[in-house]
Amino acid sequence: MSTKESVKTVSKAMIYRAVASSTAIETGVATKEIEKKLKSSNRRFAHISLAN
């Protein structure tokens, strides 16, 4: 018997949501606010991108 594991691709939107929700839990700020800040181009470290 062989088993196949399904591979799930992770999108940038999923990463943004995970980071935003984790930060929201720690800081008490709304997830949507943090996600909006992450997606804005006016960031402190705009030159650093997420890994693919």
C-alpha atoms as a PDB file:
ATOM      1  CA  MET A   1       0.000   0.000   0.000  1.00  0.00           C
ATOM      2  CA  SER A   2       1.304   3.362  -0.926  1.00  0.00           C
ATOM      3  CA  THR A   3      -0.024   6.640   0.343  1.00  0.00           C
ATOM      4  CA  LYS A   4       0.107   9.942  -1.455  1.00  0.00           C
ATOM      5  CA  GLU A   5       0.267  13.178   0.419  1.00  0.00           C
ATOM      6  CA  SER A   6      -1.422  16.137  -1.167  1.00  0.00           C
ATOM      7  CA  VAL A   7       0.855  19.113  -1.574  1.00  0.00           C
ATOM      8  CA  LYS A   8      -0.686  22.454  -0.743  1.00  0.00           C
ATOM      9  CA  THR A   9       0.775  25.540  -2.352  1.00  0.00           C
ATOM     10  CA  VAL A  10       1.162  28.538  -0.114  1.00  0.00           C
ATOM     11  CA  SER A  11       0.292  31.909  -1.590  1.00  0.00           C
ATOM     12  CA  LYS A  12       1.524  35.314  -0.489  1.00  0.00           C
ATOM     13  CA  ALA A  13      -2.003  36.110   0.685  1.00  0.00           C
ATOM     14  CA  MET A  14      -1.863  33.106   3.005  1.00  0.00           C
ATOM     15  CA  ILE A  15       1.485  34.245   4.396  1.00  0.00           C
ATOM     16  CA  TYR A  16       0.196  37.795   4.928  1.00  0.00           C
ATOM     17  CA  ARG A  17      -2.855  36.424   6.758  1.00  0.00           C
ATOM     18  CA  ALA A  18      -0.740  34.161   8.984  1.00  0.00           C
ATOM     19  CA  VAL A  19       1.703  36.922   9.905  1.00  0.00           C
ATOM     20  CA  ALA A  20      -1.107  39.434  10.471  1.00  0.00           C
ATOM     21  CA  SER A  21      -3.143  37.114  12.679  1.00  0.00           C
ATOM     22  CA  SER A  22      -0.114  36.093  14.716  1.00  0.00           C
ATOM     23  CA  THR A  23       0.879  39.719  15.220  1.00  0.00           C
ATOM     24  CA  ALA A  24      -2.715  40.680  16.056  1.00  0.00           C
ATOM     25  CA  ILE A  25      -2.823  38.100  18.832  1.00  0.00           C
ATOM     26  CA  GLU A  26       0.407  39.425  20.335  1.00  0.00           C
ATOM     27  CA  THR A  27      -0.348  43.140  19.970  1.00  0.00           C
ATOM     28  CA  GLY A  28      -4.139  43.357  20.237  1.00  0.00           C
ATOM     29  CA  VAL A  29      -4.398  45.258  16.943  1.00  0.00           C
ATOM     30  CA  ALA A  30      -6.989  44.163  14.367  1.00  0.00           C
ATOM     31  CA  THR A  31      -5.824  41.597  11.808  1.00  0.00           C
ATOM     32  CA  LYS A  32      -7.165  43.656   8.900  1.00  0.00           C
ATOM     33  CA  GLU A  33      -5.139  46.704   9.998  1.00  0.00           C
ATOM     34  CA  ILE A  34      -1.912  44.727  10.188  1.00  0.00           C
ATOM     35  CA  GLU A  35      -2.599  43.004   6.874  1.00  0.00           C
ATOM     36  CA  LYS A  36      -3.220  46.396   5.254  1.00  0.00           C
ATOM     37  CA  LYS A  37       0.123  47.672   6.566  1.00  0.00           C
ATOM     38  CA  LEU A  38       1.912  44.578   5.284  1.00  0.00           C
ATOM     39  CA  LYS A  39       0.446  45.011   1.803  1.00  0.00           C
ATOM     40  CA  SER A  40       1.128  48.752   1.561  1.00  0.00           C
ATOM     41  CA  SER A  41       4.140  49.817  -0.463  1.00  0.00           C
ATOM     42  CA  ASN A  42       5.050  52.472   2.077  1.00  0.00           C
ATOM     43  CA  ARG A  43       6.857  50.097   4.419  1.00  0.00           C
ATOM     44  CA  ARG A  44      10.077  50.464   6.327  1.00  0.00           C
ATOM     45  CA  PHE A  45      11.668  47.431   4.653  1.00  0.00           C
ATOM     46  CA  ALA A  46       9.942  47.629   1.248  1.00  0.00           C
ATOM     47  CA  HIS A  47      13.111  46.433  -0.486  1.00  0.00           C
ATOM     48  CA  ILE A  48      12.833  43.017   1.243  1.00  0.00           C
ATOM     49  CA  SER A  49      10.410  40.594  -0.404  1.00  0.00           C
ATOM     50  CA  LEU A  50       8.820  37.364   0.783  1.00  0.00           C
ATOM     51  CA  ALA A  51      10.405  34.067  -0.228  1.00  0.00           C
ATOM     52  CA  ASN A  52       8.786  32.132  -3.044  1.00  0.00           C
END
